[in-house]
Amino acid sequence: MRGRRCVELGVVWFIGGLLVAVVTFGQVQGAGVYVVVWGPMLYGVHRMVSGLQLIKKSRGSS
């Protein structure tokens, strides 16, 4: 259960960071500045991997 929650929160963090990057990129006209938010995306990937490891560990011990 805890692993699944970790994966879900990781997906939310990753999508949030991706949306910021896509929205700011979409607002740039010509040569402008847009923001790529790596922090939330990397944190999201970390949470997803940690959650998957927890799920794997809990299934192995059952």
Protein backbone atom coordinates (compact mmCIF):
# COMPACT_ATOMS: atom_id res chain seq x y z
CA MET A 1 0.00 0.00 0.00
CA ARG A 2 2.81 2.39 0.90
CA GLY A 3 4.67 1.57 -2.31
CA ARG A 4 1.62 2.32 -4.44
CA ARG A 5 1.18 5.68 -2.73
CA CYS A 6 4.86 6.50 -3.40
CA VAL A 7 4.43 5.69 -7.09
CA GLU A 8 1.26 7.81 -7.33
CA LEU A 9 2.91 10.82 -5.69
CA GLY A 10 5.95 10.38 -7.92
CA VAL A 11 3.75 10.52 -11.00
CA VAL A 12 2.08 13.70 -9.69
CA TRP A 13 5.44 15.39 -9.06
CA PHE A 14 6.78 14.37 -12.46
CA ILE A 15 3.69 15.53 -14.36
CA GLY A 16 3.64 18.81 -12.41
CA GLY A 17 7.22 19.62 -13.39
CA LEU A 18 6.57 18.56 -16.97
CA LEU A 19 3.48 20.78 -17.18
CA VAL A 20 5.45 23.82 -16.01
CA ALA A 21 8.04 23.16 -18.72
CA VAL A 22 5.42 22.64 -21.44
CA VAL A 23 3.33 25.67 -20.46
CA THR A 24 6.31 28.03 -20.30
CA PHE A 25 7.66 26.65 -23.59
CA GLY A 26 4.25 27.19 -25.20
CA GLN A 27 4.22 30.85 -24.12
CA VAL A 28 7.59 31.62 -25.71
CA GLN A 29 7.28 33.38 -29.04
CA GLY A 30 10.41 33.34 -31.12
CA ALA A 31 13.58 33.53 -29.07
CA GLY A 32 12.52 33.67 -25.47
CA VAL A 33 13.10 32.09 -22.13
CA TYR A 34 11.28 29.06 -20.85
CA VAL A 35 11.68 27.11 -17.65
CA VAL A 36 12.55 23.44 -17.47
CA VAL A 37 11.80 22.35 -13.94
CA TRP A 38 14.14 19.41 -13.38
CA GLY A 39 13.82 19.24 -9.59
CA PRO A 40 10.19 18.10 -9.35
CA MET A 41 10.61 15.74 -12.30
CA LEU A 42 13.70 14.09 -10.80
CA TYR A 43 12.02 13.88 -7.39
CA GLY A 44 9.03 12.26 -9.08
CA VAL A 45 11.21 9.66 -10.76
CA HIS A 46 12.92 8.98 -7.43
CA ARG A 47 9.55 8.47 -5.70
CA MET A 48 8.32 6.18 -8.48
CA VAL A 49 11.45 4.01 -8.33
CA SER A 50 11.32 3.88 -4.51
CA GLY A 51 7.65 2.92 -4.62
CA LEU A 52 8.25 0.17 -7.15
CA GLN A 53 11.04 -1.21 -4.97
CA LEU A 54 8.70 -1.22 -1.95
CA ILE A 55 6.05 -3.05 -3.97
CA LYS A 56 8.59 -5.62 -5.17
CA LYS A 57 9.89 -6.13 -1.63
CA SER A 58 6.39 -6.56 -0.17
CA ARG A 59 5.42 -9.13 -2.83
CA GLY A 60 8.63 -11.07 -2.27
CA SER A 61 8.11 -11.36 1.47
CA SER A 62 4.50 -12.60 1.21
